[in-house]
């Protein structure tokens, strides 16, 4: 363990490891659908929305799009998904709130204890 004594920081991408993005997006979209009396395949909605992430990032990396905030990329992709799935009649505030669902994702059950354990050392 001597080699680990000099480690000052442990960094890693935590998105899919720590949060249940799919379940969170399905939950939020389903709730909005119920409130608006709109029926849709919300799992398909979540998968389609997420599938547009890498292509959007590729457009930024290639210079086709300028540097763009992730919230703005999510919003562009959300608008495509709503159009493709024929989901209409949402207000601007409903669209914005749905777009911010990425900020409210639930952690996996073991994520908080695991992160807390890492934090102790």
C-alpha atoms as a PDB file:
ATOM      1  CA  UNK A   1       0.000   0.000   0.000  1.00  0.00           C
ATOM      2  CA  UNK A   2       3.024   2.276   0.047  1.00  0.00           C
ATOM      3  CA  UNK A   3       2.352   3.334  -3.562  1.00  0.00           C
ATOM      4  CA  UNK A   4      -1.096   4.624  -2.623  1.00  0.00           C
ATOM      5  CA  UNK A   5       0.295   6.832   0.116  1.00  0.00           C
ATOM      6  CA  UNK A   6       1.236   9.500  -2.388  1.00  0.00           C
ATOM      7  CA  UNK A   7      -2.203   9.625  -4.010  1.00  0.00           C
ATOM      8  CA  UNK A   8      -3.707  13.068  -3.449  1.00  0.00           C
ATOM      9  CA  UNK A   9      -6.917  12.762  -5.454  1.00  0.00           C
ATOM     10  CA  UNK A  10      -9.106  10.182  -7.097  1.00  0.00           C
ATOM     11  CA  UNK A  11     -11.108  11.489 -10.037  1.00  0.00           C
ATOM     12  CA  UNK A  12     -13.588   9.699 -12.235  1.00  0.00           C
ATOM     13  CA  UNK A  13     -16.678  10.235 -14.335  1.00  0.00           C
ATOM     14  CA  UNK A  14     -19.643   9.579 -12.083  1.00  0.00           C
ATOM     15  CA  UNK A  15     -22.622  10.133 -14.384  1.00  0.00           C
ATOM     16  CA  UNK A  16     -23.848   6.616 -15.145  1.00  0.00           C
ATOM     17  CA  UNK A  17     -22.029   5.100 -12.197  1.00  0.00           C
ATOM     18  CA  UNK A  18     -23.666   7.255  -9.554  1.00  0.00           C
ATOM     19  CA  UNK A  19     -27.048   8.251 -10.995  1.00  0.00           C
ATOM     20  CA  UNK A  20     -29.921   6.380 -12.604  1.00  0.00           C
ATOM     21  CA  UNK A  21     -30.348   8.757 -15.531  1.00  0.00           C
ATOM     22  CA  UNK A  22     -32.835   6.537 -17.376  1.00  0.00           C
ATOM     23  CA  UNK A  23     -35.151   5.980 -14.425  1.00  0.00           C
ATOM     24  CA  UNK A  24     -35.060   9.657 -13.535  1.00  0.00           C
ATOM     25  CA  UNK A  25     -35.904  10.857 -17.026  1.00  0.00           C
ATOM     26  CA  UNK A  26     -38.696   8.276 -17.368  1.00  0.00           C
ATOM     27  CA  UNK A  27     -40.129   9.327 -13.986  1.00  0.00           C
ATOM     28  CA  UNK A  28     -40.080  13.052 -14.780  1.00  0.00           C
ATOM     29  CA  UNK A  29     -41.435  12.665 -18.316  1.00  0.00           C
ATOM     30  CA  UNK A  30     -44.170  10.296 -17.113  1.00  0.00           C
ATOM     31  CA  UNK A  31     -45.234  12.769 -14.423  1.00  0.00           C
ATOM     32  CA  UNK A  32     -45.451  15.546 -16.994  1.00  0.00           C
ATOM     33  CA  UNK A  33     -47.367  13.237 -19.317  1.00  0.00           C
ATOM     34  CA  UNK A  34     -49.893  12.418 -16.584  1.00  0.00           C
ATOM     35  CA  UNK A  35     -50.299  16.099 -15.733  1.00  0.00           C
ATOM     36  CA  UNK A  36     -50.854  16.982 -19.394  1.00  0.00           C
ATOM     37  CA  UNK A  37     -52.930  13.844 -20.094  1.00  0.00           C
ATOM     38  CA  UNK A  38     -50.450  12.748 -22.743  1.00  0.00           C
ATOM     39  CA  UNK A  39     -49.690   9.082 -23.199  1.00  0.00           C
ATOM     40  CA  UNK A  40     -46.321   8.081 -24.633  1.00  0.00           C
ATOM     41  CA  UNK A  41     -43.678   5.413 -24.344  1.00  0.00           C
ATOM     42  CA  UNK A  42     -41.624   7.316 -21.795  1.00  0.00           C
ATOM     43  CA  UNK A  43     -38.832   4.711 -21.784  1.00  0.00           C
ATOM     44  CA  UNK A  44     -38.477   5.213 -25.540  1.00  0.00           C
ATOM     45  CA  UNK A  45     -38.554   8.960 -24.912  1.00  0.00           C
ATOM     46  CA  UNK A  46     -35.684   8.710 -22.396  1.00  0.00           C
ATOM     47  CA  UNK A  47     -33.618   6.421 -24.622  1.00  0.00           C
ATOM     48  CA  UNK A  48     -34.102   8.618 -27.679  1.00  0.00           C
ATOM     49  CA  UNK A  49     -33.208  11.767 -25.769  1.00  0.00           C
ATOM     50  CA  UNK A  50     -30.029  10.197 -24.386  1.00  0.00           C
ATOM     51  CA  UNK A  51     -29.106   8.752 -27.796  1.00  0.00           C
ATOM     52  CA  UNK A  52     -28.802  12.284 -29.165  1.00  0.00           C
ATOM     53  CA  UNK A  53     -26.132  13.266 -26.628  1.00  0.00           C
ATOM     54  CA  UNK A  54     -23.064  11.847 -28.410  1.00  0.00           C
ATOM     55  CA  UNK A  55     -24.093  13.127 -31.865  1.00  0.00           C
ATOM     56  CA  UNK A  56     -24.600  16.608 -30.375  1.00  0.00           C
ATOM     57  CA  UNK A  57     -21.220  16.433 -28.652  1.00  0.00           C
ATOM     58  CA  UNK A  58     -19.635  15.320 -31.931  1.00  0.00           C
ATOM     59  CA  UNK A  59     -21.057  18.411 -33.620  1.00  0.00           C
ATOM     60  CA  UNK A  60     -19.386  20.560 -30.959  1.00  0.00           C
ATOM     61  CA  UNK A  61     -16.091  18.653 -31.150  1.00  0.00           C
ATOM     62  CA  UNK A  62     -15.991  18.984 -34.947  1.00  0.00           C
ATOM     63  CA  UNK A  63     -16.670  22.716 -34.832  1.00  0.00           C
ATOM     64  CA  UNK A  64     -20.042  22.404 -36.568  1.00  0.00           C
ATOM     65  CA  UNK A  65     -21.506  23.886 -33.365  1.00  0.00           C
ATOM     66  CA  UNK A  66     -19.599  26.330 -31.175  1.00  0.00           C
ATOM     67  CA  UNK A  67     -18.856  25.439 -27.563  1.00  0.00           C
ATOM     68  CA  UNK A  68     -22.316  24.966 -26.080  1.00  0.00           C
ATOM     69  CA  UNK A  69     -23.510  24.527 -22.500  1.00  0.00           C
ATOM     70  CA  UNK A  70     -24.743  21.018 -21.810  1.00  0.00           C
ATOM     71  CA  UNK A  71     -28.162  22.335 -20.749  1.00  0.00           C
ATOM     72  CA  UNK A  72     -28.467  23.975 -24.166  1.00  0.00           C
ATOM     73  CA  UNK A  73     -27.463  20.768 -25.972  1.00  0.00           C
ATOM     74  CA  UNK A  74     -29.998  18.836 -23.921  1.00  0.00           C
ATOM     75  CA  UNK A  75     -32.623  21.423 -24.832  1.00  0.00           C
ATOM     76  CA  UNK A  76     -31.873  21.146 -28.577  1.00  0.00           C
ATOM     77  CA  UNK A  77     -32.097  17.369 -28.305  1.00  0.00           C
ATOM     78  CA  UNK A  78     -35.281  17.532 -26.243  1.00  0.00           C
ATOM     79  CA  UNK A  79     -36.972  19.611 -28.907  1.00  0.00           C
ATOM     80  CA  UNK A  80     -36.030  16.986 -31.522  1.00  0.00           C
ATOM     81  CA  UNK A  81     -37.425  14.185 -29.359  1.00  0.00           C
ATOM     82  CA  UNK A  82     -40.688  16.008 -28.689  1.00  0.00           C
ATOM     83  CA  UNK A  83     -41.069  16.591 -32.421  1.00  0.00           C
ATOM     84  CA  UNK A  84     -40.171  13.011 -33.420  1.00  0.00           C
ATOM     85  CA  UNK A  85     -42.580  11.509 -30.911  1.00  0.00           C
ATOM     86  CA  UNK A  86     -45.354  13.997 -31.668  1.00  0.00           C
ATOM     87  CA  UNK A  87     -45.467  15.359 -28.133  1.00  0.00           C
ATOM     88  CA  UNK A  88     -46.923  18.857 -28.429  1.00  0.00           C
ATOM     89  CA  UNK A  89     -48.708  21.400 -26.314  1.00  0.00           C
ATOM     90  CA  UNK A  90     -46.057  21.892 -23.642  1.00  0.00           C
ATOM     91  CA  UNK A  91     -45.500  25.380 -22.303  1.00  0.00           C
ATOM     92  CA  UNK A  92     -42.079  26.990 -22.297  1.00  0.00           C
ATOM     93  CA  UNK A  93     -41.841  26.521 -18.529  1.00  0.00           C
ATOM     94  CA  UNK A  94     -42.807  22.831 -18.814  1.00  0.00           C
ATOM     95  CA  UNK A  95     -40.146  22.275 -21.468  1.00  0.00           C
ATOM     96  CA  UNK A  96     -37.543  24.077 -19.367  1.00  0.00           C
ATOM     97  CA  UNK A  97     -38.479  22.089 -16.259  1.00  0.00           C
ATOM     98  CA  UNK A  98     -38.296  18.809 -18.180  1.00  0.00           C
ATOM     99  CA  UNK A  99     -34.924  19.792 -19.592  1.00  0.00           C
ATOM    100  CA  UNK A 100     -33.652  20.348 -16.062  1.00  0.00           C
ATOM    101  CA  UNK A 101     -34.609  16.776 -15.139  1.00  0.00           C
ATOM    102  CA  UNK A 102     -30.930  16.006 -15.804  1.00  0.00           C
ATOM    103  CA  UNK A 103     -30.181  18.085 -12.682  1.00  0.00           C
ATOM    104  CA  UNK A 104     -32.526  16.026 -10.497  1.00  0.00           C
ATOM    105  CA  UNK A 105     -31.446  12.452 -11.203  1.00  0.00           C
ATOM    106  CA  UNK A 106     -31.639   9.932  -8.397  1.00  0.00           C
ATOM    107  CA  UNK A 107     -28.486   8.208  -7.182  1.00  0.00           C
ATOM    108  CA  UNK A 108     -28.183   4.449  -7.331  1.00  0.00           C
ATOM    109  CA  UNK A 109     -28.893   2.926  -3.883  1.00  0.00           C
ATOM    110  CA  UNK A 110     -25.204   2.285  -3.156  1.00  0.00           C
ATOM    111  CA  UNK A 111     -23.891   5.574  -4.548  1.00  0.00           C
ATOM    112  CA  UNK A 112     -24.136   7.743  -1.443  1.00  0.00           C
ATOM    113  CA  UNK A 113     -22.559   5.171   0.905  1.00  0.00           C
ATOM    114  CA  UNK A 114     -19.854   4.519  -1.694  1.00  0.00           C
ATOM    115  CA  UNK A 115     -19.044   8.190  -2.226  1.00  0.00           C
ATOM    116  CA  UNK A 116     -19.081   8.749   1.539  1.00  0.00           C
ATOM    117  CA  UNK A 117     -16.623   5.903   1.981  1.00  0.00           C
ATOM    118  CA  UNK A 118     -14.301   7.403  -0.654  1.00  0.00           C
ATOM    119  CA  UNK A 119     -14.540  10.791   1.036  1.00  0.00           C
ATOM    120  CA  UNK A 120     -13.271   9.418   4.354  1.00  0.00           C
ATOM    121  CA  UNK A 121      -9.843   8.838   2.822  1.00  0.00           C
END
